[in-house]
């Protein structure tokens, strides 16, 4: 039997996410923008709630194209607020648009969002050695620095805990526990 991190329940969508995405280094700007938006949408909810709606989010937010999202107007916001396939929280919907605008500014300043965001960990994934899921922190000094800088640049829903979850999701940190078959990237 394949051993996974204990949070990867028997739900196939969780297993697929754990096995194929979580903890794998991501350098594509569109994918990074998507994960930043989805992690923000998750605030106060369980990750599986968002994961099950991911395709709806992609459809609703033009596959997370920051140029398109940055231009959304009140009409589009009202349309999104009626979309039952996503979390219809006005602040969270507004944050995706605000974050798209800030994202484009970061791309302009740094060339890519990737080069900006990976600087918080020196450009290389952090490989952690956790025996159990209970040992994994909710935030780190790096996620606190990232959060502070993102907020300074106008991003919303980017607290230290959200930033750490983003870092895990995009492989900036590898928090697969030591008993997981993906610990430190083996079998990738």
Protein backbone atom coordinates (compact mmCIF):
# COMPACT_ATOMS: atom_id res chain seq x y z
CA UNK A 1 0.00 0.00 0.00
CA UNK A 2 1.29 3.44 -0.95
CA UNK A 3 1.87 5.68 2.08
CA UNK A 4 0.89 9.31 1.69
CA UNK A 5 0.82 12.36 3.91
CA UNK A 6 -2.02 11.89 6.37
CA UNK A 7 -3.99 14.88 5.01
CA UNK A 8 -4.39 13.10 1.65
CA UNK A 9 -7.63 11.34 2.51
CA UNK A 10 -9.22 8.56 0.47
CA UNK A 11 -10.99 11.15 -1.72
CA UNK A 12 -9.52 10.68 -5.23
CA UNK A 13 -9.32 14.43 -5.91
CA UNK A 14 -7.11 14.81 -2.81
CA UNK A 15 -4.98 11.80 -3.75
CA UNK A 16 -4.43 13.12 -7.28
CA UNK A 17 -3.58 16.61 -5.99
CA UNK A 18 -1.16 15.16 -3.42
CA UNK A 19 0.51 12.78 -5.88
CA UNK A 20 0.68 15.00 -8.95
CA UNK A 21 0.95 18.61 -7.76
CA UNK A 22 1.52 19.39 -4.10
CA UNK A 23 5.15 20.04 -3.30
CA UNK A 24 6.33 20.05 -6.93
CA UNK A 25 8.28 23.16 -7.92
CA UNK A 26 6.14 25.45 -10.07
CA UNK A 27 7.71 28.21 -12.15
CA UNK A 28 4.92 29.03 -14.61
CA UNK A 29 3.52 32.50 -13.85
CA UNK A 30 -0.07 31.59 -14.75
CA UNK A 31 0.03 28.54 -12.48
CA UNK A 32 1.55 30.61 -9.67
CA UNK A 33 -1.22 33.18 -10.06
CA UNK A 34 -3.86 30.46 -9.99
CA UNK A 35 -2.48 28.94 -6.79
CA UNK A 36 -2.19 32.33 -5.10
CA UNK A 37 -5.86 33.02 -5.95
CA UNK A 38 -7.07 29.57 -4.88
CA UNK A 39 -5.16 29.69 -1.59
CA UNK A 40 -6.76 33.08 -0.90
CA UNK A 41 -10.20 31.68 -1.75
CA UNK A 42 -9.58 28.89 0.74
CA UNK A 43 -9.20 31.25 3.72
CA UNK A 44 -11.55 30.02 6.42
CA UNK A 45 -12.53 26.93 4.42
CA UNK A 46 -11.09 23.47 3.83
CA UNK A 47 -8.78 22.98 0.86
CA UNK A 48 -10.98 20.23 -0.54
CA UNK A 49 -13.84 22.76 -0.78
CA UNK A 50 -11.74 24.78 -3.21
CA UNK A 51 -10.17 21.80 -4.94
CA UNK A 52 -13.60 20.44 -5.87
CA UNK A 53 -14.47 23.82 -7.41
CA UNK A 54 -11.14 24.34 -9.16
CA UNK A 55 -12.44 23.78 -12.69
CA UNK A 56 -15.31 26.17 -11.96
CA UNK A 57 -12.79 28.77 -10.80
CA UNK A 58 -10.73 28.30 -13.96
CA UNK A 59 -13.81 28.80 -16.12
CA UNK A 60 -15.08 31.77 -14.09
CA UNK A 61 -11.71 33.57 -14.00
CA UNK A 62 -10.58 33.05 -17.61
CA UNK A 63 -8.12 30.29 -16.65
CA UNK A 64 -6.47 32.76 -14.28
CA UNK A 65 -5.04 34.93 -17.04
CA UNK A 66 -3.93 37.95 -14.98
CA UNK A 67 -4.26 40.37 -17.92
CA UNK A 68 -7.90 39.43 -18.46
CA UNK A 69 -8.74 39.27 -14.74
CA UNK A 70 -7.11 42.65 -14.03
CA UNK A 71 -9.65 44.32 -16.35
CA UNK A 72 -12.80 42.89 -14.73
CA UNK A 73 -15.48 45.52 -14.14
CA UNK A 74 -18.56 45.70 -11.92
CA UNK A 75 -20.62 43.79 -14.45
CA UNK A 76 -18.16 40.88 -14.34
CA UNK A 77 -18.03 41.05 -10.55
CA UNK A 78 -21.82 40.81 -10.39
CA UNK A 79 -21.69 37.82 -12.75
CA UNK A 80 -19.13 36.13 -10.49
CA UNK A 81 -21.26 36.81 -7.41
CA UNK A 82 -24.06 34.80 -9.07
CA UNK A 83 -21.78 31.88 -10.00
CA UNK A 84 -22.71 28.94 -7.76
CA UNK A 85 -19.61 27.02 -8.86
CA UNK A 86 -17.25 29.26 -6.87
CA UNK A 87 -17.21 30.73 -3.37
CA UNK A 88 -19.37 33.83 -3.76
CA UNK A 89 -17.58 36.04 -1.26
CA UNK A 90 -17.38 39.62 -2.53
CA UNK A 91 -14.10 40.39 -0.75
CA UNK A 92 -12.46 37.24 -2.13
CA UNK A 93 -13.69 37.93 -5.66
CA UNK A 94 -12.43 41.52 -5.48
CA UNK A 95 -9.09 40.23 -4.16
CA UNK A 96 -8.54 38.11 -7.29
CA UNK A 97 -8.91 41.23 -9.44
CA UNK A 98 -6.73 43.35 -7.16
CA UNK A 99 -4.15 40.57 -7.07
CA UNK A 100 -4.14 40.32 -10.87
CA UNK A 101 -3.35 44.03 -11.08
CA UNK A 102 -0.57 43.72 -8.48
CA UNK A 103 0.69 40.55 -10.18
CA UNK A 104 1.14 42.43 -13.47
CA UNK A 105 3.07 45.17 -11.66
CA UNK A 106 5.39 42.56 -10.13
CA UNK A 107 5.93 41.00 -13.56
CA UNK A 108 6.83 44.42 -14.94
CA UNK A 109 9.27 45.11 -12.09
CA UNK A 110 10.92 41.66 -11.93
CA UNK A 111 10.44 40.27 -15.44
CA UNK A 112 8.39 37.35 -14.09
CA UNK A 113 6.39 36.69 -10.97
CA UNK A 114 8.41 33.48 -10.65
CA UNK A 115 11.70 35.33 -10.21
CA UNK A 116 10.07 37.58 -7.61
CA UNK A 117 8.31 34.92 -5.53
CA UNK A 118 11.12 32.34 -5.44
CA UNK A 119 13.54 34.93 -4.02
CA UNK A 120 11.92 34.47 -0.60
CA UNK A 121 13.58 31.04 -0.32
CA UNK A 122 16.72 31.75 -2.32
CA UNK A 123 15.44 30.16 -5.53
CA UNK A 124 15.67 26.53 -4.38
CA UNK A 125 12.97 24.38 -2.73
CA UNK A 126 13.21 23.95 1.02
CA UNK A 127 13.22 20.21 1.85
CA UNK A 128 11.77 19.68 5.31
CA UNK A 129 12.04 16.59 7.49
CA UNK A 130 8.71 16.22 9.29
CA UNK A 131 7.88 12.87 10.88
CA UNK A 132 4.19 13.73 11.22
CA UNK A 133 1.74 16.24 9.80
CA UNK A 134 1.37 17.73 13.30
CA UNK A 135 4.97 19.00 13.10
CA UNK A 136 4.37 21.04 9.94
CA UNK A 137 4.13 24.75 10.80
CA UNK A 138 1.25 26.96 9.70
CA UNK A 139 3.70 29.76 8.84
CA UNK A 140 7.44 30.43 8.78
CA UNK A 141 9.64 33.51 8.80
CA UNK A 142 9.85 33.21 5.00
CA UNK A 143 6.06 33.12 4.62
CA UNK A 144 5.82 36.10 6.98
CA UNK A 145 8.33 38.04 4.84
CA UNK A 146 6.49 37.04 1.67
CA UNK A 147 3.15 38.11 3.16
CA UNK A 148 4.51 41.47 4.27
CA UNK A 149 6.03 42.19 0.86
CA UNK A 150 2.95 41.04 -1.09
CA UNK A 151 0.71 43.24 1.07
CA UNK A 152 3.06 46.19 0.54
CA UNK A 153 2.62 45.63 -3.21
CA UNK A 154 -1.19 45.69 -2.89
CA UNK A 155 -2.06 41.97 -2.77
CA UNK A 156 -5.02 40.82 -0.65
CA UNK A 157 -5.72 37.52 1.19
CA UNK A 158 -2.00 36.86 1.50
CA UNK A 159 -1.44 36.42 5.23
CA UNK A 160 1.51 34.32 6.46
CA UNK A 161 -0.56 31.11 6.70
CA UNK A 162 -1.97 31.54 3.19
CA UNK A 163 1.54 32.28 1.91
CA UNK A 164 2.89 29.13 3.56
CA UNK A 165 0.12 27.02 2.02
CA UNK A 166 0.99 28.64 -1.33
CA UNK A 167 4.66 27.77 -0.80
CA UNK A 168 3.71 24.14 -0.11
CA UNK A 169 1.36 23.94 -3.09
CA UNK A 170 3.92 25.36 -5.52
CA UNK A 171 6.86 23.30 -4.26
CA UNK A 172 8.75 26.19 -2.75
CA UNK A 173 8.77 23.98 0.31
CA UNK A 174 8.49 20.20 0.28
CA UNK A 175 6.50 19.20 3.35
CA UNK A 176 5.77 15.60 2.41
CA UNK A 177 6.29 13.74 5.69
CA UNK A 178 9.08 11.20 6.04
CA UNK A 179 6.68 8.25 5.76
CA UNK A 180 5.17 9.55 2.48
CA UNK A 181 6.27 7.97 -0.79
CA UNK A 182 6.94 11.51 -2.11
CA UNK A 183 9.20 12.55 0.78
CA UNK A 184 11.92 14.84 -0.62
CA UNK A 185 10.68 14.27 -4.10
CA UNK A 186 11.43 10.59 -4.45
CA UNK A 187 9.41 8.86 -7.17
CA UNK A 188 8.77 12.15 -9.00
